Amino acid sequence: MALAASIAALGLIIHSHYGQYLFGGGHRTGAIAETAADTSDQPQPVALTPAEEKRYRALSEFVANRYRVSQTVAFDLVEHAHRVARELQLDPLLILAVISIESRFNPIAESVKGAKGLMQIIPKYHTEKLEVFGGVESVFDPETNIQVGAQILKEYIRATGHVGIALQMYAGALSDLEDQYTNKVMNEKARLQQVVSQVLRRPPPAPAAPMRTAAVRTTGAYASPLD
């Protein structure tokens, strides 16, 4: 009886302290909440084609080595930049080049003028765009930052009809008659294009040669290779 009572008491303690995680009740936070969240209505990631995989892998390796960031993180950023570029009909390499110059792929970069995140957005000038993603606090979310930064750049290109002028506007440097910012971005874009071109020129791996199996002769219960 004493043993049964002890087991029952232990069960009550476990249920009291951990029941919300083990049995599905209560308020969940952090990774547990994310795991338990209903994802049935969320868009599922689209599988990459072999060509996309090769392109993104090459670009992420370049970014990781040049800017000392995790290759896994670099791959995710490269992939998202391409996704946003398709939505907005922008050159994905232009987006990646702007990120390179603005923050060197540091998602928590912040300037003395208040520019924040990968594409160095100043929240007070773009509150409406950020509001869609939860407010100005979302500016440090990498995907949000790329989405909003690319939208801003697209608007400047549409307004000016010129990528170079749009880039100078993006940097707040229209008074710079030498277009130093534009030159930096376009030089970086050229490096990224070179990475992509090298991948495209690389011949596909040759198919593996079929393995040859030695013919054997049998003698009684044993087998031996033919001479």
C-alpha atoms as a PDB file:
ATOM      1  CA  MET A   1       0.000   0.000   0.000  1.00  0.00           C
ATOM      2  CA  ALA A   2       2.808   2.373   0.887  1.00  0.00           C
ATOM      3  CA  LEU A   3       4.505   1.670  -2.452  1.00  0.00           C
ATOM      4  CA  ALA A   4       1.271   2.301  -4.353  1.00  0.00           C
ATOM      5  CA  ALA A   5       0.755   5.568  -2.509  1.00  0.00           C
ATOM      6  CA  SER A   6       4.303   6.676  -3.321  1.00  0.00           C
ATOM      7  CA  ILE A   7       3.829   5.908  -7.018  1.00  0.00           C
ATOM      8  CA  ALA A   8       0.537   7.796  -7.050  1.00  0.00           C
ATOM      9  CA  ALA A   9       2.151  10.810  -5.372  1.00  0.00           C
ATOM     10  CA  LEU A  10       5.018  10.763  -7.884  1.00  0.00           C
ATOM     11  CA  GLY A  11       2.493  10.660 -10.705  1.00  0.00           C
ATOM     12  CA  LEU A  12       0.726  13.730  -9.354  1.00  0.00           C
ATOM     13  CA  ILE A  13       4.028  15.639  -9.093  1.00  0.00           C
ATOM     14  CA  ILE A  14       4.984  14.775 -12.669  1.00  0.00           C
ATOM     15  CA  HIS A  15       1.578  15.780 -13.966  1.00  0.00           C
ATOM     16  CA  SER A  16       1.621  19.019 -11.969  1.00  0.00           C
ATOM     17  CA  HIS A  17       5.053  20.153 -13.151  1.00  0.00           C
ATOM     18  CA  TYR A  18       5.376  18.627 -16.630  1.00  0.00           C
ATOM     19  CA  GLY A  19       1.854  17.653 -17.643  1.00  0.00           C
ATOM     20  CA  GLN A  20       1.501  20.670 -19.947  1.00  0.00           C
ATOM     21  CA  TYR A  21       4.352  19.341 -22.061  1.00  0.00           C
ATOM     22  CA  LEU A  22       3.767  15.593 -21.775  1.00  0.00           C
ATOM     23  CA  PHE A  23       0.009  15.531 -22.034  1.00  0.00           C
ATOM     24  CA  GLY A  24      -0.761  18.521 -24.248  1.00  0.00           C
ATOM     25  CA  GLY A  25      -2.341  20.910 -21.736  1.00  0.00           C
ATOM     26  CA  GLY A  26      -1.375  24.333 -20.529  1.00  0.00           C
ATOM     27  CA  HIS A  27       0.589  27.165 -22.173  1.00  0.00           C
ATOM     28  CA  ARG A  28       3.602  26.193 -24.249  1.00  0.00           C
ATOM     29  CA  THR A  29       6.511  28.405 -25.112  1.00  0.00           C
ATOM     30  CA  GLY A  30       9.690  28.333 -27.175  1.00  0.00           C
ATOM     31  CA  ALA A  31      10.618  25.351 -29.299  1.00  0.00           C
ATOM     32  CA  ILE A  32       7.913  23.178 -27.751  1.00  0.00           C
ATOM     33  CA  ALA A  33       5.217  25.615 -28.845  1.00  0.00           C
ATOM     34  CA  GLU A  34       6.644  25.797 -32.342  1.00  0.00           C
ATOM     35  CA  THR A  35       6.716  22.034 -32.617  1.00  0.00           C
ATOM     36  CA  ALA A  36       3.147  21.743 -31.393  1.00  0.00           C
ATOM     37  CA  ALA A  37       1.810  24.569 -33.588  1.00  0.00           C
ATOM     38  CA  ASP A  38      -0.602  23.626 -36.330  1.00  0.00           C
ATOM     39  CA  THR A  39       1.298  23.964 -39.605  1.00  0.00           C
ATOM     40  CA  SER A  40      -1.449  22.672 -41.854  1.00  0.00           C
ATOM     41  CA  ASP A  41      -2.233  26.171 -43.198  1.00  0.00           C
ATOM     42  CA  GLN A  42       1.385  27.256 -43.536  1.00  0.00           C
ATOM     43  CA  PRO A  43       3.018  27.152 -46.998  1.00  0.00           C
ATOM     44  CA  GLN A  44       5.326  24.200 -47.359  1.00  0.00           C
ATOM     45  CA  PRO A  45       8.859  24.773 -48.701  1.00  0.00           C
ATOM     46  CA  VAL A  46       9.215  24.116 -52.421  1.00  0.00           C
ATOM     47  CA  ALA A  47      11.825  21.542 -53.349  1.00  0.00           C
ATOM     48  CA  LEU A  48      14.813  23.026 -55.156  1.00  0.00           C
ATOM     49  CA  THR A  49      15.755  21.888 -58.622  1.00  0.00           C
ATOM     50  CA  PRO A  50      19.299  20.473 -59.058  1.00  0.00           C
ATOM     51  CA  ALA A  51      20.294  23.684 -60.861  1.00  0.00           C
ATOM     52  CA  GLU A  52      18.974  25.872 -58.031  1.00  0.00           C
ATOM     53  CA  GLU A  53      20.662  23.707 -55.429  1.00  0.00           C
ATOM     54  CA  LYS A  54      23.989  24.017 -57.257  1.00  0.00           C
ATOM     55  CA  ARG A  55      23.626  27.794 -57.685  1.00  0.00           C
ATOM     56  CA  TYR A  56      22.622  28.441 -54.079  1.00  0.00           C
ATOM     57  CA  ARG A  57      25.327  26.152 -52.749  1.00  0.00           C
ATOM     58  CA  ALA A  58      28.055  27.936 -54.714  1.00  0.00           C
ATOM     59  CA  LEU A  59      26.843  31.388 -53.668  1.00  0.00           C
ATOM     60  CA  SER A  60      26.497  30.391 -50.010  1.00  0.00           C
ATOM     61  CA  GLU A  61      30.018  28.951 -49.974  1.00  0.00           C
ATOM     62  CA  PHE A  62      31.334  32.231 -51.375  1.00  0.00           C
ATOM     63  CA  VAL A  63      29.376  34.295 -48.845  1.00  0.00           C
ATOM     64  CA  ALA A  64      30.386  32.078 -45.935  1.00  0.00           C
ATOM     65  CA  ASN A  65      34.078  32.280 -46.794  1.00  0.00           C
ATOM     66  CA  ARG A  66      34.114  35.985 -47.666  1.00  0.00           C
ATOM     67  CA  TYR A  67      32.067  37.252 -44.738  1.00  0.00           C
ATOM     68  CA  ARG A  68      32.835  34.618 -42.092  1.00  0.00           C
ATOM     69  CA  VAL A  69      29.274  33.454 -41.554  1.00  0.00           C
ATOM     70  CA  SER A  70      27.808  30.000 -41.141  1.00  0.00           C
ATOM     71  CA  GLN A  71      27.353  28.263 -44.477  1.00  0.00           C
ATOM     72  CA  THR A  72      23.962  26.981 -43.349  1.00  0.00           C
ATOM     73  CA  VAL A  73      22.830  30.522 -42.539  1.00  0.00           C
ATOM     74  CA  ALA A  74      24.340  31.803 -45.781  1.00  0.00           C
ATOM     75  CA  PHE A  75      22.420  29.199 -47.789  1.00  0.00           C
ATOM     76  CA  ASP A  76      19.121  30.188 -46.149  1.00  0.00           C
ATOM     77  CA  LEU A  77      19.762  33.877 -46.879  1.00  0.00           C
ATOM     78  CA  VAL A  78      20.754  33.182 -50.481  1.00  0.00           C
ATOM     79  CA  GLU A  79      17.631  31.086 -50.994  1.00  0.00           C
ATOM     80  CA  HIS A  80      15.362  33.727 -49.456  1.00  0.00           C
ATOM     81  CA  ALA A  81      16.958  36.518 -51.500  1.00  0.00           C
ATOM     82  CA  HIS A  82      16.185  34.548 -54.667  1.00  0.00           C
ATOM     83  CA  ARG A  83      12.599  33.940 -53.531  1.00  0.00           C
ATOM     84  CA  VAL A  84      12.031  37.650 -52.855  1.00  0.00           C
ATOM     85  CA  ALA A  85      13.701  38.572 -56.135  1.00  0.00           C
ATOM     86  CA  ARG A  86      11.255  36.360 -58.035  1.00  0.00           C
ATOM     87  CA  GLU A  87       8.306  37.997 -56.278  1.00  0.00           C
ATOM     88  CA  LEU A  88       9.508  41.536 -56.994  1.00  0.00           C
ATOM     89  CA  GLN A  89      11.149  40.848 -60.360  1.00  0.00           C
ATOM     90  CA  LEU A  90      14.558  41.954 -59.164  1.00  0.00           C
ATOM     91  CA  ASP A  91      17.989  40.524 -59.819  1.00  0.00           C
ATOM     92  CA  PRO A  92      18.743  38.281 -56.802  1.00  0.00           C
ATOM     93  CA  LEU A  93      22.442  39.041 -57.112  1.00  0.00           C
ATOM     94  CA  LEU A  94      21.653  42.740 -56.713  1.00  0.00           C
ATOM     95  CA  ILE A  95      19.875  42.016 -53.426  1.00  0.00           C
ATOM     96  CA  LEU A  96      22.780  39.889 -52.213  1.00  0.00           C
ATOM     97  CA  ALA A  97      25.260  42.569 -53.261  1.00  0.00           C
ATOM     98  CA  VAL A  98      23.386  45.221 -51.274  1.00  0.00           C
ATOM     99  CA  ILE A  99      23.399  42.949 -48.215  1.00  0.00           C
ATOM    100  CA  SER A 100      27.132  42.432 -48.691  1.00  0.00           C
ATOM    101  CA  ILE A 101      27.899  46.150 -48.721  1.00  0.00           C
ATOM    102  CA  GLU A 102      25.351  47.191 -46.111  1.00  0.00           C
ATOM    103  CA  SER A 103      25.954  44.629 -43.370  1.00  0.00           C
ATOM    104  CA  ARG A 104      28.427  41.973 -44.538  1.00  0.00           C
ATOM    105  CA  PHE A 105      25.628  39.479 -43.833  1.00  0.00           C
ATOM    106  CA  ASN A 106      25.374  40.427 -40.171  1.00  0.00           C
ATOM    107  CA  PRO A 107      21.643  40.259 -39.315  1.00  0.00           C
ATOM    108  CA  ILE A 108      22.049  42.376 -36.174  1.00  0.00           C
ATOM    109  CA  ALA A 109      24.179  45.119 -37.730  1.00  0.00           C
ATOM    110  CA  GLU A 110      23.204  48.624 -36.635  1.00  0.00           C
ATOM    111  CA  SER A 111      24.606  51.964 -37.769  1.00  0.00           C
ATOM    112  CA  VAL A 112      24.979  55.172 -35.810  1.00  0.00           C
ATOM    113  CA  LYS A 113      22.175  56.625 -37.939  1.00  0.00           C
ATOM    114  CA  GLY A 114      19.748  53.916 -36.845  1.00  0.00           C
ATOM    115  CA  ALA A 115      19.915  51.662 -39.896  1.00  0.00           C
ATOM    116  CA  LYS A 116      19.347  48.054 -38.842  1.00  0.00           C
ATOM    117  CA  GLY A 117      19.715  44.514 -40.050  1.00  0.00           C
ATOM    118  CA  LEU A 118      20.967  42.861 -43.211  1.00  0.00           C
ATOM    119  CA  MET A 119      19.861  45.608 -45.604  1.00  0.00           C
ATOM    120  CA  GLN A 120      20.270  48.432 -43.063  1.00  0.00           C
ATOM    121  CA  ILE A 121      16.685  49.663 -42.930  1.00  0.00           C
ATOM    122  CA  ILE A 122      15.859  52.725 -40.852  1.00  0.00           C
ATOM    123  CA  PRO A 123      12.571  51.654 -39.202  1.00  0.00           C
ATOM    124  CA  LYS A 124      11.103  55.128 -38.626  1.00  0.00           C
ATOM    125  CA  TYR A 125      11.044  55.741 -42.384  1.00  0.00           C
ATOM    126  CA  HIS A 126       9.383  52.429 -43.238  1.00  0.00           C
ATOM    127  CA  THR A 127       6.962  51.717 -40.408  1.00  0.00           C
ATOM    128  CA  GLU A 128       4.104  50.805 -42.747  1.00  0.00           C
ATOM    129  CA  LYS A 129       6.129  48.142 -44.526  1.00  0.00           C
ATOM    130  CA  LEU A 130       7.370  46.677 -41.243  1.00  0.00           C
ATOM    131  CA  GLU A 131       3.896  46.746 -39.726  1.00  0.00           C
ATOM    132  CA  VAL A 132       2.876  43.961 -42.091  1.00  0.00           C
ATOM    133  CA  PHE A 133       5.471  41.738 -40.422  1.00  0.00           C
ATOM    134  CA  GLY A 134       4.665  42.649 -36.827  1.00  0.00           C
ATOM    135  CA  GLY A 135       6.067  46.153 -36.372  1.00  0.00           C
ATOM    136  CA  VAL A 136       9.423  47.856 -36.232  1.00  0.00           C
ATOM    137  CA  GLU A 137      10.797  45.161 -33.915  1.00  0.00           C
ATOM    138  CA  SER A 138      10.748  42.743 -36.862  1.00  0.00           C
ATOM    139  CA  VAL A 139      13.492  44.693 -38.605  1.00  0.00           C
ATOM    140  CA  PHE A 140      16.118  42.328 -37.193  1.00  0.00           C
ATOM    141  CA  ASP A 141      14.346  39.260 -38.553  1.00  0.00           C
ATOM    142  CA  PRO A 142      16.502  38.291 -41.573  1.00  0.00           C
ATOM    143  CA  GLU A 143      13.641  37.293 -43.864  1.00  0.00           C
ATOM    144  CA  THR A 144      11.604  40.390 -43.008  1.00  0.00           C
ATOM    145  CA  ASN A 145      14.624  42.627 -43.471  1.00  0.00           C
ATOM    146  CA  ILE A 146      15.362  41.214 -46.923  1.00  0.00           C
ATOM    147  CA  GLN A 147      11.704  41.450 -47.954  1.00  0.00           C
ATOM    148  CA  VAL A 148      11.331  45.082 -46.863  1.00  0.00           C
ATOM    149  CA  GLY A 149      14.757  46.164 -48.074  1.00  0.00           C
ATOM    150  CA  ALA A 150      14.101  44.678 -51.506  1.00  0.00           C
ATOM    151  CA  GLN A 151      10.691  46.386 -51.632  1.00  0.00           C
ATOM    152  CA  ILE A 152      12.324  49.740 -50.899  1.00  0.00           C
ATOM    153  CA  LEU A 153      14.940  49.181 -53.594  1.00  0.00           C
ATOM    154  CA  LYS A 154      12.279  48.131 -56.100  1.00  0.00           C
ATOM    155  CA  GLU A 155      10.287  51.316 -55.417  1.00  0.00           C
ATOM    156  CA  TYR A 156      13.377  53.456 -55.966  1.00  0.00           C
ATOM    157  CA  ILE A 157      14.154  51.686 -59.247  1.00  0.00           C
ATOM    158  CA  ARG A 158      10.567  52.155 -60.413  1.00  0.00           C
ATOM    159  CA  ALA A 159      10.600  55.838 -59.414  1.00  0.00           C
ATOM    160  CA  THR A 160      13.923  56.673 -61.057  1.00  0.00           C
ATOM    161  CA  GLY A 161      14.058  54.172 -63.903  1.00  0.00           C
ATOM    162  CA  HIS A 162      17.763  53.712 -63.172  1.00  0.00           C
ATOM    163  CA  VAL A 163      19.427  51.125 -60.938  1.00  0.00           C
ATOM    164  CA  GLY A 164      22.439  53.322 -60.207  1.00  0.00           C
ATOM    165  CA  ILE A 165      20.373  56.294 -59.047  1.00  0.00           C
ATOM    166  CA  ALA A 166      18.109  53.957 -57.061  1.00  0.00           C
ATOM    167  CA  LEU A 167      21.130  52.556 -55.249  1.00  0.00           C
ATOM    168  CA  GLN A 168      22.378  56.053 -54.414  1.00  0.00           C
ATOM    169  CA  MET A 169      18.904  56.855 -53.057  1.00  0.00           C
ATOM    170  CA  TYR A 170      18.955  53.660 -51.012  1.00  0.00           C
ATOM    171  CA  ALA A 171      22.239  54.726 -49.433  1.00  0.00           C
ATOM    172  CA  GLY A 172      21.036  58.312 -48.922  1.00  0.00           C
ATOM    173  CA  ALA A 173      23.933  59.456 -51.101  1.00  0.00           C
ATOM    174  CA  LEU A 174      22.346  61.246 -54.069  1.00  0.00           C
ATOM    175  CA  SER A 175      24.765  64.132 -53.571  1.00  0.00           C
ATOM    176  CA  ASP A 176      27.729  61.842 -54.280  1.00  0.00           C
ATOM    177  CA  LEU A 177      28.419  62.614 -57.937  1.00  0.00           C
ATOM    178  CA  GLU A 178      31.030  59.830 -58.099  1.00  0.00           C
ATOM    179  CA  ASP A 179      28.429  57.161 -57.223  1.00  0.00           C
ATOM    180  CA  GLN A 180      30.779  55.420 -54.818  1.00  0.00           C
ATOM    181  CA  TYR A 181      28.039  53.346 -53.218  1.00  0.00           C
ATOM    182  CA  THR A 182      26.687  52.168 -56.561  1.00  0.00           C
ATOM    183  CA  ASN A 183      30.179  51.196 -57.675  1.00  0.00           C
ATOM    184  CA  LYS A 184      30.708  49.133 -54.516  1.00  0.00           C
ATOM    185  CA  VAL A 185      27.425  47.291 -54.962  1.00  0.00           C
ATOM    186  CA  MET A 186      27.947  46.629 -58.659  1.00  0.00           C
ATOM    187  CA  ASN A 187      31.500  45.392 -58.088  1.00  0.00           C
ATOM    188  CA  GLU A 188      30.206  42.958 -55.481  1.00  0.00           C
ATOM    189  CA  LYS A 189      27.422  41.887 -57.822  1.00  0.00           C
ATOM    190  CA  ALA A 190      30.060  41.173 -60.480  1.00  0.00           C
ATOM    191  CA  ARG A 191      31.909  38.903 -58.026  1.00  0.00           C
ATOM    192  CA  LEU A 192      28.702  37.015 -57.300  1.00  0.00           C
ATOM    193  CA  GLN A 193      27.985  36.712 -61.017  1.00  0.00           C
ATOM    194  CA  GLN A 194      31.446  35.254 -61.513  1.00  0.00           C
ATOM    195  CA  VAL A 195      30.678  32.597 -58.902  1.00  0.00           C
ATOM    196  CA  VAL A 196      27.475  31.683 -60.730  1.00  0.00           C
ATOM    197  CA  SER A 197      29.208  31.670 -64.130  1.00  0.00           C
ATOM    198  CA  GLN A 198      31.848  29.273 -62.850  1.00  0.00           C
ATOM    199  CA  VAL A 199      29.131  26.899 -61.691  1.00  0.00           C
ATOM    200  CA  LEU A 200      27.413  27.057 -65.077  1.00  0.00           C
ATOM    201  CA  ARG A 201      30.681  26.362 -66.912  1.00  0.00           C
ATOM    202  CA  ARG A 202      31.553  23.437 -64.682  1.00  0.00           C
ATOM    203  CA  PRO A 203      30.893  20.191 -66.585  1.00  0.00           C
ATOM    204  CA  PRO A 204      28.531  17.731 -64.954  1.00  0.00           C
ATOM    205  CA  PRO A 205      30.211  14.817 -63.188  1.00  0.00           C
ATOM    206  CA  ALA A 206      30.914  11.858 -65.448  1.00  0.00           C
ATOM    207  CA  PRO A 207      28.712   8.831 -64.826  1.00  0.00           C
ATOM    208  CA  ALA A 208      30.359   6.189 -62.709  1.00  0.00           C
ATOM    209  CA  ALA A 209      31.889   3.350 -64.713  1.00  0.00           C
ATOM    210  CA  PRO A 210      30.075   0.055 -64.258  1.00  0.00           C
ATOM    211  CA  MET A 211      31.832  -2.286 -61.886  1.00  0.00           C
ATOM    212  CA  ARG A 212      33.251  -5.380 -63.537  1.00  0.00           C
ATOM    213  CA  THR A 213      32.713  -8.659 -61.770  1.00  0.00           C
ATOM    214  CA  ALA A 214      35.167 -11.471 -62.269  1.00  0.00           C
ATOM    215  CA  ALA A 215      33.848 -14.575 -63.966  1.00  0.00           C
ATOM    216  CA  VAL A 216      34.319 -17.697 -61.934  1.00  0.00           C
ATOM    217  CA  ARG A 217      34.673 -21.359 -62.662  1.00  0.00           C
ATOM    218  CA  THR A 218      33.361 -23.918 -60.319  1.00  0.00           C
ATOM    219  CA  THR A 219      35.072 -27.072 -59.343  1.00  0.00           C
ATOM    220  CA  GLY A 220      33.030 -29.249 -57.127  1.00  0.00           C
ATOM    221  CA  ALA A 221      31.919 -27.285 -54.093  1.00  0.00           C
ATOM    222  CA  TYR A 222      34.401 -24.405 -54.614  1.00  0.00           C
ATOM    223  CA  ALA A 223      34.594 -21.423 -56.981  1.00  0.00           C
ATOM    224  CA  SER A 224      37.728 -19.725 -58.268  1.00  0.00           C
ATOM    225  CA  PRO A 225      38.357 -16.777 -60.709  1.00  0.00           C
ATOM    226  CA  LEU A 226      38.924 -17.778 -64.307  1.00  0.00           C
ATOM    227  CA  ASP A 227      42.504 -17.425 -65.513  1.00  0.00           C
END
